[in-house]
Amino acid sequence: MPCSAVTLSLATISAIIAVALLAIAFSTDNWQSYEVKRTNIQVRSFPYDALKSLKSSKESLP
């Protein structure tokens, strides 16, 4: 029985802390938003084209 009382008290304290952190998160205005323009994203085969673009970008650096 003492183990269940300890578990219940830890769960209660954790729930209070979680609710407080959620309240802080929703009350602040530090959210980041991302805009994805899907028409600008090109579909390419990952391994070959990604390595090819990395090589070409390294060659173009001064």
C-alpha atoms as a PDB file:
ATOM      1  CA  MET A   1       0.000   0.000   0.000  1.00  0.00           C
ATOM      2  CA  PRO A   2       2.740   2.571   0.666  1.00  0.00           C
ATOM      3  CA  CYS A   3       4.073   2.068  -2.860  1.00  0.00           C
ATOM      4  CA  SER A   4       0.749   2.986  -4.427  1.00  0.00           C
ATOM      5  CA  ALA A   5       0.539   6.140  -2.293  1.00  0.00           C
ATOM      6  CA  VAL A   6       4.013   7.212  -3.444  1.00  0.00           C
ATOM      7  CA  THR A   7       3.136   6.486  -7.053  1.00  0.00           C
ATOM      8  CA  LEU A   8      -0.110   8.444  -6.771  1.00  0.00           C
ATOM      9  CA  SER A   9       1.627  11.438  -5.208  1.00  0.00           C
ATOM     10  CA  LEU A  10       4.379  11.433  -7.860  1.00  0.00           C
ATOM     11  CA  ALA A  11       1.758  11.221 -10.595  1.00  0.00           C
ATOM     12  CA  THR A  12      -0.157  14.140  -9.079  1.00  0.00           C
ATOM     13  CA  ILE A  13       2.951  16.302  -8.839  1.00  0.00           C
ATOM     14  CA  SER A  14       3.966  15.393 -12.402  1.00  0.00           C
ATOM     15  CA  ALA A  15       0.484  16.255 -13.681  1.00  0.00           C
ATOM     16  CA  ILE A  16       0.562  19.652 -11.977  1.00  0.00           C
ATOM     17  CA  ILE A  17       3.987  20.417 -13.461  1.00  0.00           C
ATOM     18  CA  ALA A  18       2.818  19.271 -16.908  1.00  0.00           C
ATOM     19  CA  VAL A  19      -0.274  21.493 -16.787  1.00  0.00           C
ATOM     20  CA  ALA A  20       1.852  24.452 -15.656  1.00  0.00           C
ATOM     21  CA  LEU A  21       4.295  23.936 -18.515  1.00  0.00           C
ATOM     22  CA  LEU A  22       1.442  23.662 -21.023  1.00  0.00           C
ATOM     23  CA  ALA A  23      -0.034  26.904 -19.704  1.00  0.00           C
ATOM     24  CA  ILE A  24       3.338  28.616 -20.112  1.00  0.00           C
ATOM     25  CA  ALA A  25       3.729  27.225 -23.635  1.00  0.00           C
ATOM     26  CA  PHE A  26       0.309  28.406 -24.785  1.00  0.00           C
ATOM     27  CA  SER A  27       0.577  31.805 -23.125  1.00  0.00           C
ATOM     28  CA  THR A  28       3.878  32.717 -24.763  1.00  0.00           C
ATOM     29  CA  ASP A  29       4.068  33.907 -28.342  1.00  0.00           C
ATOM     30  CA  ASN A  30       7.325  32.167 -29.248  1.00  0.00           C
ATOM     31  CA  TRP A  31       5.801  29.805 -31.772  1.00  0.00           C
ATOM     32  CA  GLN A  32       7.525  29.290 -35.087  1.00  0.00           C
ATOM     33  CA  SER A  33       5.574  28.847 -38.280  1.00  0.00           C
ATOM     34  CA  TYR A  34       6.901  27.428 -41.513  1.00  0.00           C
ATOM     35  CA  GLU A  35       5.543  28.027 -44.976  1.00  0.00           C
ATOM     36  CA  VAL A  36       6.221  25.272 -47.459  1.00  0.00           C
ATOM     37  CA  LYS A  37       5.773  26.051 -51.135  1.00  0.00           C
ATOM     38  CA  ARG A  38       5.314  22.614 -52.590  1.00  0.00           C
ATOM     39  CA  THR A  39       5.514  23.847 -56.145  1.00  0.00           C
ATOM     40  CA  ASN A  40       9.103  24.961 -55.533  1.00  0.00           C
ATOM     41  CA  ILE A  41      10.189  21.578 -54.218  1.00  0.00           C
ATOM     42  CA  GLN A  42      11.580  19.362 -56.934  1.00  0.00           C
ATOM     43  CA  VAL A  43      11.209  15.621 -56.775  1.00  0.00           C
ATOM     44  CA  ARG A  44      14.523  13.913 -57.299  1.00  0.00           C
ATOM     45  CA  SER A  45      16.022  10.524 -56.677  1.00  0.00           C
ATOM     46  CA  PHE A  46      17.725  11.009 -53.364  1.00  0.00           C
ATOM     47  CA  PRO A  47      21.153   9.337 -53.340  1.00  0.00           C
ATOM     48  CA  TYR A  48      22.440  10.203 -56.781  1.00  0.00           C
ATOM     49  CA  ASP A  49      21.029  13.701 -57.218  1.00  0.00           C
ATOM     50  CA  ALA A  50      21.771  14.745 -53.659  1.00  0.00           C
ATOM     51  CA  LEU A  51      25.419  13.730 -53.973  1.00  0.00           C
ATOM     52  CA  LYS A  52      25.631  15.337 -57.387  1.00  0.00           C
ATOM     53  CA  SER A  53      24.304  18.646 -56.041  1.00  0.00           C
ATOM     54  CA  LEU A  54      26.726  18.494 -53.104  1.00  0.00           C
ATOM     55  CA  LYS A  55      29.664  17.980 -55.451  1.00  0.00           C
ATOM     56  CA  SER A  56      28.603  20.818 -57.707  1.00  0.00           C
ATOM     57  CA  SER A  57      28.099  23.181 -54.756  1.00  0.00           C
ATOM     58  CA  LYS A  58      31.579  22.394 -53.427  1.00  0.00           C
ATOM     59  CA  GLU A  59      33.109  23.046 -56.812  1.00  0.00           C
ATOM     60  CA  SER A  60      31.404  26.419 -57.118  1.00  0.00           C
ATOM     61  CA  LEU A  61      32.803  27.665 -53.787  1.00  0.00           C
ATOM     62  CA  PRO A  62      35.826  30.003 -54.032  1.00  0.00           C
END
